[in-house]
Amino acid sequence: MIVDHIGFAVADFARSRAFYEAALAPLGIGVLMQGDGWAMMGRDKPEFWFGSHGKPPGSIHLAFAAADRGQVRAFHAAALAAGGRDNGGPGVRAQYHAHYYGAFVFDPDGHNVEAVCHRPEPAQEAPGGARRHSMAQLNAMSPAQFSAVFGKVYEHSPWIAERAFSRRPFAARIDLQLALAAVVASASRAEQIALLNAHPELAGQEARAGTMTAASVGEQSSAGLDALAPAEFARLAELNRAYRAKFGFPAIIAARLNSKAAIFHAFEGRLHNDPEQELQNNLAQVGEIARLRLRDLLDE
């Protein structure tokens, strides 16, 4: 970002605050500082300021960065529910570039507020020309085809998809999701721990070595873990070492659902848990990662 922060006056502070808190929550943006008639919002630092002091400007355009297209859609829905007026629903704006995916609303003062993602759909990024599949296509797959497509939903653990194959046919995506989750739940403790150890650390040794899967690279990038400050890298390395030494597996957090600040906060807190709590916490996070990857690959 070339501008450190931006601020302006609003006509009705309470109304504007209610709107922006609701609209920007899906983007991981919240109020970080506040005072009498003013608020500062951001993820890690206050970059967006507004308040009742001063004269409101003429119409302006604000574009907030989204980690993925789902966040753009969630922003649009939340902004409309908070009283915003539609100025263009979620979709690709190819006049800007092929992967420019944005949505637009007017805020209470008539400013054009946008959420934008510049990344293609995750399924388009997957190696080997991965694409979305219909339920009919899924149910017609051979065991080898099924494993090739869905074996990557759980990091380096195709055995989960292979065991779920026998439960076909699946009527909807949720049925496959539940079947995969049931395989994990019924796996031995040794298999569950092996599944956890198949995952990379957060901005850890695999990231530095360039050995992460494309899916993991995209997920960690969505939370800004590929662009940490030196002090942040050092702190995360300390946390990774301490966590693995205590529990014997890496800390797993669904990065696509969390901001960088939330990841650090969760990591710090989870170090105080006992091994059984962290086994279950990690399996739950693995399930969320799998759910999002499955959503990228499969239609309803």
C-alpha atoms as a PDB file:
ATOM      1  CA  MET A   1       0.000   0.000   0.000  1.00  0.00           C
ATOM      2  CA  ILE A   2       1.553   3.323  -1.078  1.00  0.00           C
ATOM      3  CA  VAL A   3      -0.695   5.370   1.252  1.00  0.00           C
ATOM      4  CA  ASP A   4      -0.119   4.831   4.982  1.00  0.00           C
ATOM      5  CA  HIS A   5      -3.724   5.573   5.901  1.00  0.00           C
ATOM      6  CA  ILE A   6      -6.783   7.489   4.728  1.00  0.00           C
ATOM      7  CA  GLY A   7      -9.414   9.391   6.673  1.00  0.00           C
ATOM      8  CA  PHE A   8     -12.447  11.579   6.088  1.00  0.00           C
ATOM      9  CA  ALA A   9     -15.463  13.099   7.813  1.00  0.00           C
ATOM     10  CA  VAL A  10     -18.905  11.483   7.687  1.00  0.00           C
ATOM     11  CA  ALA A  11     -22.339  13.020   8.084  1.00  0.00           C
ATOM     12  CA  ASP A  12     -23.647  10.505  10.653  1.00  0.00           C
ATOM     13  CA  PHE A  13     -20.867   8.810  12.621  1.00  0.00           C
ATOM     14  CA  ALA A  14     -23.030   6.180  14.343  1.00  0.00           C
ATOM     15  CA  ARG A  15     -24.639   5.128  11.080  1.00  0.00           C
ATOM     16  CA  SER A  16     -21.332   5.020   9.217  1.00  0.00           C
ATOM     17  CA  ARG A  17     -19.639   3.041  11.974  1.00  0.00           C
ATOM     18  CA  ALA A  18     -22.426   0.456  12.020  1.00  0.00           C
ATOM     19  CA  PHE A  19     -22.177   0.136   8.248  1.00  0.00           C
ATOM     20  CA  TYR A  20     -18.398  -0.221   8.046  1.00  0.00           C
ATOM     21  CA  GLU A  21     -18.097  -2.590  10.992  1.00  0.00           C
ATOM     22  CA  ALA A  22     -20.625  -4.946   9.370  1.00  0.00           C
ATOM     23  CA  ALA A  23     -19.404  -4.556   5.782  1.00  0.00           C
ATOM     24  CA  LEU A  24     -15.688  -4.942   6.498  1.00  0.00           C
ATOM     25  CA  ALA A  25     -15.914  -7.772   9.048  1.00  0.00           C
ATOM     26  CA  PRO A  26     -15.821 -10.470   6.312  1.00  0.00           C
ATOM     27  CA  LEU A  27     -12.503  -8.964   5.150  1.00  0.00           C
ATOM     28  CA  GLY A  28     -10.969  -9.303   8.609  1.00  0.00           C
ATOM     29  CA  ILE A  29     -11.065  -5.532   9.154  1.00  0.00           C
ATOM     30  CA  GLY A  30     -12.242  -4.164  12.485  1.00  0.00           C
ATOM     31  CA  VAL A  31     -12.080  -1.118  14.749  1.00  0.00           C
ATOM     32  CA  LEU A  32      -8.588  -0.879  16.254  1.00  0.00           C
ATOM     33  CA  MET A  33      -8.837   2.586  17.849  1.00  0.00           C
ATOM     34  CA  GLN A  34     -11.761   4.833  18.679  1.00  0.00           C
ATOM     35  CA  GLY A  35     -12.706   8.030  20.410  1.00  0.00           C
ATOM     36  CA  ASP A  36     -15.509  10.552  20.735  1.00  0.00           C
ATOM     37  CA  GLY A  37     -17.028  10.621  17.261  1.00  0.00           C
ATOM     38  CA  TRP A  38     -14.184   8.900  15.416  1.00  0.00           C
ATOM     39  CA  ALA A  39     -12.900   5.377  14.687  1.00  0.00           C
ATOM     40  CA  MET A  40      -9.825   3.833  13.086  1.00  0.00           C
ATOM     41  CA  MET A  41     -10.135   0.488  11.335  1.00  0.00           C
ATOM     42  CA  GLY A  42      -7.676  -2.014   9.921  1.00  0.00           C
ATOM     43  CA  ARG A  43      -6.287  -5.522  10.226  1.00  0.00           C
ATOM     44  CA  ASP A  44      -2.915  -5.089  11.926  1.00  0.00           C
ATOM     45  CA  LYS A  45      -2.755  -1.302  12.087  1.00  0.00           C
ATOM     46  CA  PRO A  46      -5.289   1.512  11.622  1.00  0.00           C
ATOM     47  CA  GLU A  47      -5.353   2.407   7.927  1.00  0.00           C
ATOM     48  CA  PHE A  48      -8.949   3.592   7.493  1.00  0.00           C
ATOM     49  CA  TRP A  49     -10.175   6.479   9.656  1.00  0.00           C
ATOM     50  CA  PHE A  50     -13.515   8.274   9.722  1.00  0.00           C
ATOM     51  CA  GLY A  51     -15.341  10.567  12.108  1.00  0.00           C
ATOM     52  CA  SER A  52     -17.851  13.337  12.620  1.00  0.00           C
ATOM     53  CA  HIS A  53     -15.281  16.137  12.834  1.00  0.00           C
ATOM     54  CA  GLY A  54     -14.925  18.257   9.726  1.00  0.00           C
ATOM     55  CA  LYS A  55     -16.830  18.566   6.479  1.00  0.00           C
ATOM     56  CA  PRO A  56     -17.695  15.377   4.584  1.00  0.00           C
ATOM     57  CA  PRO A  57     -15.946  15.256   1.187  1.00  0.00           C
ATOM     58  CA  GLY A  58     -17.555  14.772  -2.175  1.00  0.00           C
ATOM     59  CA  SER A  59     -18.014  11.280  -3.546  1.00  0.00           C
ATOM     60  CA  ILE A  60     -14.900   9.113  -3.246  1.00  0.00           C
ATOM     61  CA  HIS A  61     -14.001   5.535  -4.149  1.00  0.00           C
ATOM     62  CA  LEU A  62     -12.597   3.166  -1.506  1.00  0.00           C
ATOM     63  CA  ALA A  63     -11.320  -0.285  -2.518  1.00  0.00           C
ATOM     64  CA  PHE A  64     -10.551  -2.808   0.236  1.00  0.00           C
ATOM     65  CA  ALA A  65      -8.385  -5.859  -0.469  1.00  0.00           C
ATOM     66  CA  ALA A  66     -10.000  -9.285  -0.095  1.00  0.00           C
ATOM     67  CA  ALA A  67      -8.019 -12.490   0.365  1.00  0.00           C
ATOM     68  CA  ASP A  68     -10.259 -14.492  -1.947  1.00  0.00           C
ATOM     69  CA  ARG A  69     -13.456 -14.248  -3.959  1.00  0.00           C
ATOM     70  CA  GLY A  70     -15.524 -15.663  -1.127  1.00  0.00           C
ATOM     71  CA  GLN A  71     -14.608 -12.638   0.962  1.00  0.00           C
ATOM     72  CA  VAL A  72     -15.748 -10.347  -1.862  1.00  0.00           C
ATOM     73  CA  ARG A  73     -19.124 -12.072  -1.941  1.00  0.00           C
ATOM     74  CA  ALA A  74     -19.411 -11.971   1.849  1.00  0.00           C
ATOM     75  CA  PHE A  75     -18.554  -8.254   1.890  1.00  0.00           C
ATOM     76  CA  HIS A  76     -21.236  -7.478  -0.676  1.00  0.00           C
ATOM     77  CA  ALA A  77     -23.921  -9.387   1.234  1.00  0.00           C
ATOM     78  CA  ALA A  78     -22.928  -7.867   4.582  1.00  0.00           C
ATOM     79  CA  ALA A  79     -22.783  -4.336   3.164  1.00  0.00           C
ATOM     80  CA  LEU A  80     -26.269  -4.609   1.669  1.00  0.00           C
ATOM     81  CA  ALA A  81     -27.630  -6.071   4.911  1.00  0.00           C
ATOM     82  CA  ALA A  82     -26.089  -3.105   6.761  1.00  0.00           C
ATOM     83  CA  GLY A  83     -27.970  -0.604   4.610  1.00  0.00           C
ATOM     84  CA  GLY A  84     -25.609  -0.093   1.689  1.00  0.00           C
ATOM     85  CA  ARG A  85     -26.958   0.416  -1.815  1.00  0.00           C
ATOM     86  CA  ASP A  86     -25.855  -1.957  -4.548  1.00  0.00           C
ATOM     87  CA  ASN A  87     -23.472  -0.501  -7.122  1.00  0.00           C
ATOM     88  CA  GLY A  88     -22.392  -3.722  -8.811  1.00  0.00           C
ATOM     89  CA  GLY A  89     -22.553  -7.288  -7.560  1.00  0.00           C
ATOM     90  CA  PRO A  90     -19.635  -9.711  -7.223  1.00  0.00           C
ATOM     91  CA  GLY A  91     -18.009 -10.619 -10.515  1.00  0.00           C
ATOM     92  CA  VAL A  92     -14.979 -10.427 -12.766  1.00  0.00           C
ATOM     93  CA  ARG A  93     -14.203  -6.984 -14.211  1.00  0.00           C
ATOM     94  CA  ALA A  94     -12.170  -8.116 -17.219  1.00  0.00           C
ATOM     95  CA  GLN A  95     -11.701  -4.522 -18.386  1.00  0.00           C
ATOM     96  CA  TYR A  96      -9.156  -4.172 -15.580  1.00  0.00           C
ATOM     97  CA  HIS A  97      -7.544  -7.603 -15.837  1.00  0.00           C
ATOM     98  CA  ALA A  98      -8.605 -11.235 -16.206  1.00  0.00           C
ATOM     99  CA  HIS A  99      -8.716 -11.990 -12.477  1.00  0.00           C
ATOM    100  CA  TYR A 100     -10.067  -8.684 -11.151  1.00  0.00           C
ATOM    101  CA  TYR A 101     -12.998  -9.837  -9.001  1.00  0.00           C
ATOM    102  CA  GLY A 102     -14.885  -7.063  -7.235  1.00  0.00           C
ATOM    103  CA  ALA A 103     -18.170  -5.953  -5.725  1.00  0.00           C
ATOM    104  CA  PHE A 104     -19.403  -2.396  -5.126  1.00  0.00           C
ATOM    105  CA  VAL A 105     -21.846  -0.664  -2.772  1.00  0.00           C
ATOM    106  CA  PHE A 106     -22.665   2.905  -1.827  1.00  0.00           C
ATOM    107  CA  ASP A 107     -22.098   3.714   1.845  1.00  0.00           C
ATOM    108  CA  PRO A 108     -24.393   6.001   3.925  1.00  0.00           C
ATOM    109  CA  ASP A 109     -22.657   9.102   2.494  1.00  0.00           C
ATOM    110  CA  GLY A 110     -22.842   7.882  -1.093  1.00  0.00           C
ATOM    111  CA  HIS A 111     -19.184   6.872  -1.374  1.00  0.00           C
ATOM    112  CA  ASN A 112     -18.420   4.000  -3.739  1.00  0.00           C
ATOM    113  CA  VAL A 113     -17.016   1.203  -1.530  1.00  0.00           C
ATOM    114  CA  GLU A 114     -15.474  -1.859  -3.129  1.00  0.00           C
ATOM    115  CA  ALA A 115     -13.968  -5.178  -2.082  1.00  0.00           C
ATOM    116  CA  VAL A 116     -11.562  -6.634  -4.634  1.00  0.00           C
ATOM    117  CA  CYS A 117      -9.564  -9.820  -5.069  1.00  0.00           C
ATOM    118  CA  HIS A 118      -6.882 -10.053  -7.755  1.00  0.00           C
ATOM    119  CA  ARG A 119      -6.426 -13.809  -7.508  1.00  0.00           C
ATOM    120  CA  PRO A 120      -8.057 -16.437  -9.732  1.00  0.00           C
ATOM    121  CA  GLU A 121     -10.302 -19.056  -8.220  1.00  0.00           C
ATOM    122  CA  PRO A 122      -8.147 -21.547  -6.276  1.00  0.00           C
ATOM    123  CA  ALA A 123      -9.240 -24.397  -8.527  1.00  0.00           C
ATOM    124  CA  GLN A 124      -7.770 -22.518 -11.487  1.00  0.00           C
ATOM    125  CA  GLU A 125      -4.418 -22.279  -9.685  1.00  0.00           C
ATOM    126  CA  ALA A 126      -4.112 -25.946  -8.802  1.00  0.00           C
ATOM    127  CA  PRO A 127      -1.347 -27.895 -10.520  1.00  0.00           C
ATOM    128  CA  GLY A 128      -2.178 -30.335 -13.288  1.00  0.00           C
ATOM    129  CA  GLY A 129      -5.024 -28.241 -14.715  1.00  0.00           C
ATOM    130  CA  ALA A 130      -7.383 -28.934 -11.826  1.00  0.00           C
ATOM    131  CA  ARG A 131     -10.948 -27.769 -12.378  1.00  0.00           C
ATOM    132  CA  ARG A 132     -14.343 -27.884 -10.748  1.00  0.00           C
ATOM    133  CA  HIS A 133     -16.335 -31.083 -11.043  1.00  0.00           C
ATOM    134  CA  SER A 134     -20.035 -31.843 -10.915  1.00  0.00           C
ATOM    135  CA  MET A 135     -21.501 -34.483  -8.634  1.00  0.00           C
ATOM    136  CA  ALA A 136     -22.286 -36.617 -11.684  1.00  0.00           C
ATOM    137  CA  GLN A 137     -18.645 -36.476 -12.754  1.00  0.00           C
ATOM    138  CA  LEU A 138     -17.498 -37.348  -9.235  1.00  0.00           C
ATOM    139  CA  ASN A 139     -19.759 -40.379  -9.005  1.00  0.00           C
ATOM    140  CA  ALA A 140     -18.544 -41.631 -12.391  1.00  0.00           C
ATOM    141  CA  MET A 141     -14.850 -41.541 -11.436  1.00  0.00           C
ATOM    142  CA  SER A 142     -12.670 -44.607 -11.131  1.00  0.00           C
ATOM    143  CA  PRO A 143     -10.799 -45.116  -7.839  1.00  0.00           C
ATOM    144  CA  ALA A 144      -7.607 -43.754  -9.420  1.00  0.00           C
ATOM    145  CA  GLN A 145      -9.387 -40.689 -10.826  1.00  0.00           C
ATOM    146  CA  PHE A 146     -11.097 -40.031  -7.501  1.00  0.00           C
ATOM    147  CA  SER A 147      -7.798 -40.233  -5.632  1.00  0.00           C
ATOM    148  CA  ALA A 148      -6.057 -37.974  -8.150  1.00  0.00           C
ATOM    149  CA  VAL A 149      -8.687 -35.243  -7.792  1.00  0.00           C
ATOM    150  CA  PHE A 150      -9.651 -35.460  -4.114  1.00  0.00           C
ATOM    151  CA  GLY A 151      -6.546 -37.034  -2.600  1.00  0.00           C
ATOM    152  CA  LYS A 152      -5.061 -33.550  -2.250  1.00  0.00           C
ATOM    153  CA  VAL A 153      -7.953 -32.212  -0.181  1.00  0.00           C
ATOM    154  CA  TYR A 154      -6.110 -33.486   2.903  1.00  0.00           C
ATOM    155  CA  GLU A 155      -2.455 -32.440   2.751  1.00  0.00           C
ATOM    156  CA  HIS A 156      -0.212 -35.292   1.473  1.00  0.00           C
ATOM    157  CA  SER A 157      -2.838 -37.795   2.674  1.00  0.00           C
ATOM    158  CA  PRO A 158      -4.604 -39.442  -0.298  1.00  0.00           C
ATOM    159  CA  TRP A 159      -5.528 -42.416   1.894  1.00  0.00           C
ATOM    160  CA  ILE A 160      -8.446 -40.416   3.262  1.00  0.00           C
ATOM    161  CA  ALA A 161     -10.083 -39.966  -0.131  1.00  0.00           C
ATOM    162  CA  GLU A 162      -9.270 -43.556  -1.074  1.00  0.00           C
ATOM    163  CA  ARG A 163     -11.091 -44.902   1.984  1.00  0.00           C
ATOM    164  CA  ALA A 164     -14.076 -42.622   1.357  1.00  0.00           C
ATOM    165  CA  PHE A 165     -14.448 -43.785  -2.260  1.00  0.00           C
ATOM    166  CA  SER A 166     -16.456 -46.863  -1.261  1.00  0.00           C
ATOM    167  CA  ARG A 167     -19.180 -44.643   0.208  1.00  0.00           C
ATOM    168  CA  ARG A 168     -20.313 -43.433  -3.205  1.00  0.00           C
ATOM    169  CA  PRO A 169     -22.642 -42.297  -4.630  1.00  0.00           C
ATOM    170  CA  PHE A 170     -22.618 -38.847  -3.065  1.00  0.00           C
ATOM    171  CA  ALA A 171     -25.729 -36.743  -3.556  1.00  0.00           C
ATOM    172  CA  ALA A 172     -24.111 -33.407  -2.698  1.00  0.00           C
ATOM    173  CA  ARG A 173     -20.768 -31.895  -1.759  1.00  0.00           C
ATOM    174  CA  ILE A 174     -21.652 -32.017   1.929  1.00  0.00           C
ATOM    175  CA  ASP A 175     -22.020 -35.787   1.685  1.00  0.00           C
ATOM    176  CA  LEU A 176     -18.452 -36.178   0.449  1.00  0.00           C
ATOM    177  CA  GLN A 177     -17.227 -33.716   3.057  1.00  0.00           C
ATOM    178  CA  LEU A 178     -18.867 -35.752   5.818  1.00  0.00           C
ATOM    179  CA  ALA A 179     -17.549 -39.018   4.391  1.00  0.00           C
ATOM    180  CA  LEU A 180     -13.992 -37.691   4.372  1.00  0.00           C
ATOM    181  CA  ALA A 181     -14.386 -36.344   7.895  1.00  0.00           C
ATOM    182  CA  ALA A 182     -15.695 -39.731   9.044  1.00  0.00           C
ATOM    183  CA  VAL A 183     -12.569 -41.417   7.672  1.00  0.00           C
ATOM    184  CA  VAL A 184     -10.387 -39.051   9.704  1.00  0.00           C
ATOM    185  CA  ALA A 185     -12.498 -39.535  12.835  1.00  0.00           C
ATOM    186  CA  SER A 186     -12.280 -43.328  12.575  1.00  0.00           C
ATOM    187  CA  ALA A 187      -8.548 -43.374  11.811  1.00  0.00           C
ATOM    188  CA  SER A 188      -6.124 -44.609  14.421  1.00  0.00           C
ATOM    189  CA  ARG A 189      -4.407 -42.104  16.651  1.00  0.00           C
ATOM    190  CA  ALA A 190      -1.120 -42.808  14.843  1.00  0.00           C
ATOM    191  CA  GLU A 191      -2.784 -42.071  11.501  1.00  0.00           C
ATOM    192  CA  GLN A 192      -4.291 -38.850  12.837  1.00  0.00           C
ATOM    193  CA  ILE A 193      -0.917 -37.669  14.107  1.00  0.00           C
ATOM    194  CA  ALA A 194       0.663 -38.602  10.766  1.00  0.00           C
ATOM    195  CA  LEU A 195      -2.016 -36.493   9.062  1.00  0.00           C
ATOM    196  CA  LEU A 196      -1.110 -33.519  11.238  1.00  0.00           C
ATOM    197  CA  ASN A 197       2.592 -33.991  10.542  1.00  0.00           C
ATOM    198  CA  ALA A 198       1.851 -33.993   6.808  1.00  0.00           C
ATOM    199  CA  HIS A 199       0.944 -30.306   7.122  1.00  0.00           C
ATOM    200  CA  PRO A 200       3.521 -27.511   6.860  1.00  0.00           C
ATOM    201  CA  GLU A 201       4.350 -25.155   9.665  1.00  0.00           C
ATOM    202  CA  LEU A 202       2.936 -21.645   9.458  1.00  0.00           C
ATOM    203  CA  ALA A 203       5.531 -19.641   7.498  1.00  0.00           C
ATOM    204  CA  GLY A 204       8.002 -22.266   8.654  1.00  0.00           C
ATOM    205  CA  GLN A 205      10.689 -24.528   7.322  1.00  0.00           C
ATOM    206  CA  GLU A 206       8.673 -25.779   4.343  1.00  0.00           C
ATOM    207  CA  ALA A 207       7.924 -22.208   3.233  1.00  0.00           C
ATOM    208  CA  ARG A 208      11.600 -21.278   3.450  1.00  0.00           C
ATOM    209  CA  ALA A 209      12.591 -24.398   1.500  1.00  0.00           C
ATOM    210  CA  GLY A 210       9.900 -23.853  -1.135  1.00  0.00           C
ATOM    211  CA  THR A 211       8.437 -27.333  -0.592  1.00  0.00           C
ATOM    212  CA  MET A 212       4.834 -26.457   0.271  1.00  0.00           C
ATOM    213  CA  THR A 213       2.000 -27.600  -1.983  1.00  0.00           C
ATOM    214  CA  ALA A 214       0.384 -25.000  -4.221  1.00  0.00           C
ATOM    215  CA  ALA A 215      -2.733 -25.132  -2.046  1.00  0.00           C
ATOM    216  CA  SER A 216      -0.781 -24.418   1.140  1.00  0.00           C
ATOM    217  CA  VAL A 217       1.159 -21.609  -0.532  1.00  0.00           C
ATOM    218  CA  GLY A 218      -2.092 -19.921  -1.552  1.00  0.00           C
ATOM    219  CA  GLU A 219      -3.686 -20.423   1.841  1.00  0.00           C
ATOM    220  CA  GLN A 220      -0.789 -18.992   3.826  1.00  0.00           C
ATOM    221  CA  SER A 221      -0.420 -16.164   1.348  1.00  0.00           C
ATOM    222  CA  SER A 222      -4.090 -15.220   1.815  1.00  0.00           C
ATOM    223  CA  ALA A 223      -3.324 -14.379   5.457  1.00  0.00           C
ATOM    224  CA  GLY A 224      -0.151 -12.473   4.621  1.00  0.00           C
ATOM    225  CA  LEU A 225       2.199 -15.109   6.019  1.00  0.00           C
ATOM    226  CA  ASP A 226       4.381 -14.852   2.925  1.00  0.00           C
ATOM    227  CA  ALA A 227       5.085 -11.177   3.613  1.00  0.00           C
ATOM    228  CA  LEU A 228       5.976 -11.033   7.297  1.00  0.00           C
ATOM    229  CA  ALA A 229       8.308  -8.450   8.760  1.00  0.00           C
ATOM    230  CA  PRO A 230      11.631  -9.874  10.041  1.00  0.00           C
ATOM    231  CA  ALA A 231      10.463  -9.638  13.651  1.00  0.00           C
ATOM    232  CA  GLU A 232       7.250 -11.471  12.773  1.00  0.00           C
ATOM    233  CA  PHE A 233       9.166 -14.246  11.008  1.00  0.00           C
ATOM    234  CA  ALA A 234      11.408 -14.604  14.060  1.00  0.00           C
ATOM    235  CA  ARG A 235       8.498 -14.757  16.467  1.00  0.00           C
ATOM    236  CA  LEU A 236       6.620 -17.290  14.355  1.00  0.00           C
ATOM    237  CA  ALA A 237       9.756 -19.446  14.156  1.00  0.00           C
ATOM    238  CA  GLU A 238       9.931 -19.402  17.974  1.00  0.00           C
ATOM    239  CA  LEU A 239       6.282 -20.371  18.227  1.00  0.00           C
ATOM    240  CA  ASN A 240       6.708 -23.184  15.695  1.00  0.00           C
ATOM    241  CA  ARG A 241       9.667 -24.613  17.605  1.00  0.00           C
ATOM    242  CA  ALA A 242       7.965 -24.364  20.993  1.00  0.00           C
ATOM    243  CA  TYR A 243       4.729 -25.883  19.732  1.00  0.00           C
ATOM    244  CA  ARG A 244       6.354 -28.847  17.985  1.00  0.00           C
ATOM    245  CA  ALA A 245       8.597 -29.519  20.982  1.00  0.00           C
ATOM    246  CA  LYS A 246       5.581 -29.638  23.294  1.00  0.00           C
ATOM    247  CA  PHE A 247       3.087 -31.512  21.118  1.00  0.00           C
ATOM    248  CA  GLY A 248       5.081 -33.416  18.488  1.00  0.00           C
ATOM    249  CA  PHE A 249       3.231 -31.990  15.490  1.00  0.00           C
ATOM    250  CA  PRO A 250       2.855 -28.547  13.891  1.00  0.00           C
ATOM    251  CA  ALA A 251       0.207 -26.016  14.825  1.00  0.00           C
ATOM    252  CA  ILE A 252      -2.459 -25.956  12.122  1.00  0.00           C
ATOM    253  CA  ILE A 253      -4.722 -22.974  11.525  1.00  0.00           C
ATOM    254  CA  ALA A 254      -7.035 -22.507   8.538  1.00  0.00           C
ATOM    255  CA  ALA A 255      -5.258 -19.439   7.175  1.00  0.00           C
ATOM    256  CA  ARG A 256      -7.997 -18.578   4.686  1.00  0.00           C
ATOM    257  CA  LEU A 257     -10.371 -17.980   7.590  1.00  0.00           C
ATOM    258  CA  ASN A 258      -8.005 -15.874   9.679  1.00  0.00           C
ATOM    259  CA  SER A 259      -6.046 -12.658   9.548  1.00  0.00           C
ATOM    260  CA  LYS A 260      -2.356 -12.559  10.367  1.00  0.00           C
ATOM    261  CA  ALA A 261      -3.120 -10.968  13.743  1.00  0.00           C
ATOM    262  CA  ALA A 262      -5.683 -13.663  14.550  1.00  0.00           C
ATOM    263  CA  ILE A 263      -3.190 -16.395  13.678  1.00  0.00           C
ATOM    264  CA  PHE A 264      -0.555 -14.979  16.011  1.00  0.00           C
ATOM    265  CA  HIS A 265      -3.135 -14.576  18.777  1.00  0.00           C
ATOM    266  CA  ALA A 266      -4.431 -18.143  18.413  1.00  0.00           C
ATOM    267  CA  PHE A 267      -0.924 -19.579  18.211  1.00  0.00           C
ATOM    268  CA  GLU A 268       0.125 -17.862  21.447  1.00  0.00           C
ATOM    269  CA  GLY A 269      -2.954 -19.098  23.278  1.00  0.00           C
ATOM    270  CA  ARG A 270      -2.869 -22.684  22.074  1.00  0.00           C
ATOM    271  CA  LEU A 271       0.617 -23.235  23.459  1.00  0.00           C
ATOM    272  CA  HIS A 272      -0.994 -23.370  26.913  1.00  0.00           C
ATOM    273  CA  ASN A 273      -3.319 -26.272  26.034  1.00  0.00           C
ATOM    274  CA  ASP A 274      -2.701 -29.947  26.774  1.00  0.00           C
ATOM    275  CA  PRO A 275      -1.780 -32.464  24.026  1.00  0.00           C
ATOM    276  CA  GLU A 276      -5.281 -33.939  23.690  1.00  0.00           C
ATOM    277  CA  GLN A 277      -6.826 -30.485  23.286  1.00  0.00           C
ATOM    278  CA  GLU A 278      -4.323 -29.631  20.564  1.00  0.00           C
ATOM    279  CA  LEU A 279      -4.808 -32.922  18.755  1.00  0.00           C
ATOM    280  CA  GLN A 280      -8.518 -32.147  18.551  1.00  0.00           C
ATOM    281  CA  ASN A 281      -7.963 -28.462  17.730  1.00  0.00           C
ATOM    282  CA  ASN A 282      -5.666 -29.379  14.861  1.00  0.00           C
ATOM    283  CA  LEU A 283      -8.020 -32.043  13.499  1.00  0.00           C
ATOM    284  CA  ALA A 284     -10.810 -29.452  13.515  1.00  0.00           C
ATOM    285  CA  GLN A 285      -8.614 -26.983  11.618  1.00  0.00           C
ATOM    286  CA  VAL A 286      -7.632 -29.698   9.133  1.00  0.00           C
ATOM    287  CA  GLY A 287     -11.338 -30.288   8.580  1.00  0.00           C
ATOM    288  CA  GLU A 288     -11.895 -26.598   7.809  1.00  0.00           C
ATOM    289  CA  ILE A 289      -8.978 -26.562   5.363  1.00  0.00           C
ATOM    290  CA  ALA A 290     -10.399 -29.647   3.661  1.00  0.00           C
ATOM    291  CA  ARG A 291     -13.873 -28.102   3.495  1.00  0.00           C
ATOM    292  CA  LEU A 292     -12.549 -25.028   1.696  1.00  0.00           C
ATOM    293  CA  ARG A 293     -10.414 -27.061  -0.696  1.00  0.00           C
ATOM    294  CA  LEU A 294     -13.375 -29.298  -1.475  1.00  0.00           C
ATOM    295  CA  ARG A 295     -15.506 -26.226  -2.154  1.00  0.00           C
ATOM    296  CA  ASP A 296     -12.907 -25.082  -4.671  1.00  0.00           C
ATOM    297  CA  LEU A 297     -13.013 -28.395  -6.528  1.00  0.00           C
ATOM    298  CA  LEU A 298     -16.634 -29.462  -6.441  1.00  0.00           C
ATOM    299  CA  ASP A 299     -19.994 -27.964  -7.362  1.00  0.00           C
ATOM    300  CA  GLU A 300     -22.934 -28.490  -5.041  1.00  0.00           C
END
